[in-house]
Protein backbone atom coordinates (compact mmCIF):
# COMPACT_ATOMS: atom_id res chain seq x y z
CA UNK A 1 23.34 210.59 -76.04
CA UNK A 2 25.60 213.22 -78.05
CA UNK A 3 26.53 210.06 -80.80
CA UNK A 4 23.13 209.21 -81.15
CA UNK A 5 22.00 212.90 -81.78
CA UNK A 6 24.62 213.25 -84.51
CA UNK A 7 24.10 209.65 -86.14
CA UNK A 8 20.60 211.03 -86.82
CA UNK A 9 21.36 214.40 -88.12
CA UNK A 10 20.60 215.01 -91.67
CA UNK A 11 22.20 218.07 -94.10
CA UNK A 12 21.21 219.80 -97.06
CA UNK A 13 24.99 221.29 -97.27
CA UNK A 14 27.99 219.39 -98.62
CA UNK A 15 28.64 218.04 -102.41
CA UNK A 16 25.79 217.87 -104.26
CA UNK A 17 23.76 219.91 -101.97
CA UNK A 18 23.23 223.57 -101.06
CA UNK A 19 25.28 226.46 -100.09
CA UNK A 20 24.55 228.60 -96.82
CA UNK A 21 25.14 232.06 -98.74
CA UNK A 22 22.36 230.36 -101.61
CA UNK A 23 19.85 229.01 -99.50
CA UNK A 24 16.56 230.83 -99.74
CA UNK A 25 13.95 230.79 -97.09
CA UNK A 26 12.00 228.25 -99.05
CA UNK A 27 14.69 225.70 -98.41
CA UNK A 28 14.71 226.46 -94.91
CA UNK A 29 11.00 226.23 -93.87
CA UNK A 30 9.45 223.36 -92.34
CA UNK A 31 7.30 221.57 -95.21
CA UNK A 32 4.04 219.60 -94.80
CA UNK A 33 6.24 216.32 -95.54
CA UNK A 34 8.32 216.50 -92.82
CA UNK A 35 5.58 215.77 -90.44
CA UNK A 36 6.62 212.68 -88.11
CA UNK A 37 9.91 212.47 -90.24
CA UNK A 38 11.92 215.65 -89.45
CA UNK A 39 11.87 217.69 -86.30
CA UNK A 40 10.54 221.39 -86.83
CA UNK A 41 12.71 222.53 -83.66
CA UNK A 42 15.89 220.62 -83.22
CA UNK A 43 18.36 222.81 -85.75
CA UNK A 44 21.06 225.19 -85.29
CA UNK A 45 20.83 228.99 -84.88
CA UNK A 46 22.80 231.13 -87.17
CA UNK A 47 23.71 230.54 -91.18
CA UNK A 48 22.94 226.99 -90.81
CA UNK A 49 19.02 227.38 -89.60
CA UNK A 50 16.80 225.13 -91.52
CA UNK A 51 19.76 223.29 -93.31
CA UNK A 52 20.62 220.81 -90.77
CA UNK A 53 17.79 219.08 -89.30
CA UNK A 54 17.63 215.68 -86.93
CA UNK A 55 15.32 212.89 -87.25
CA UNK A 56 11.95 212.67 -85.20
CA UNK A 57 12.17 210.40 -82.58
CA UNK A 58 10.36 207.17 -83.74
CA UNK A 59 11.09 208.09 -87.69
CA UNK A 60 13.82 205.50 -89.31
CA UNK A 61 15.57 204.87 -92.35
CA UNK A 62 14.18 201.93 -94.27
CA UNK A 63 15.98 199.31 -96.46
CA UNK A 64 15.69 201.45 -99.16
CA UNK A 65 16.74 204.36 -97.90
CA UNK A 66 13.85 206.65 -97.33
CA UNK A 67 12.60 208.16 -94.15
CA UNK A 68 9.51 206.40 -92.58
CA UNK A 69 7.64 207.28 -89.44
CA UNK A 70 5.19 205.06 -87.81
CA UNK A 71 1.13 205.43 -88.14
CA UNK A 72 -1.81 203.34 -86.50
CA UNK A 73 -4.18 201.44 -88.80
CA UNK A 74 -7.61 202.95 -88.44
CA UNK A 75 -10.68 200.40 -89.57
CA UNK A 76 -14.23 201.44 -89.38
CA UNK A 77 -13.24 204.95 -87.17
CA UNK A 78 -11.63 202.41 -84.68
CA UNK A 79 -7.95 203.00 -83.84
CA UNK A 80 -5.86 199.63 -83.68
CA UNK A 81 -4.03 200.48 -80.17
CA UNK A 82 -1.89 196.97 -80.31
CA UNK A 83 1.57 196.90 -81.37
CA UNK A 84 0.76 194.87 -84.26
CA UNK A 85 -1.45 198.03 -85.72
CA UNK A 86 1.59 200.31 -86.12
CA UNK A 87 2.58 200.53 -89.62
CA UNK A 88 5.52 202.40 -90.90
CA UNK A 89 4.92 205.02 -94.32
CA UNK A 90 7.27 206.56 -96.27
């Protein structure tokens, strides 16, 4: 379980990224584009808060490297609950 959690972790730190000291509140806050993609709860406490995130349960990485999340099709105000009604959007 720990290995799976570690593999689904994303970091804003490192080469080409941010440093803990210079990262402001805007970077650490939850953004509306994170909905369904990054978990707003699972982040470490301390200086890394908001800089290290985890993918949501159903989020995945597509062939182009984008984080995609499942949505259900809605047609004429009716939600398609079949497995074929799920589309992954980036």
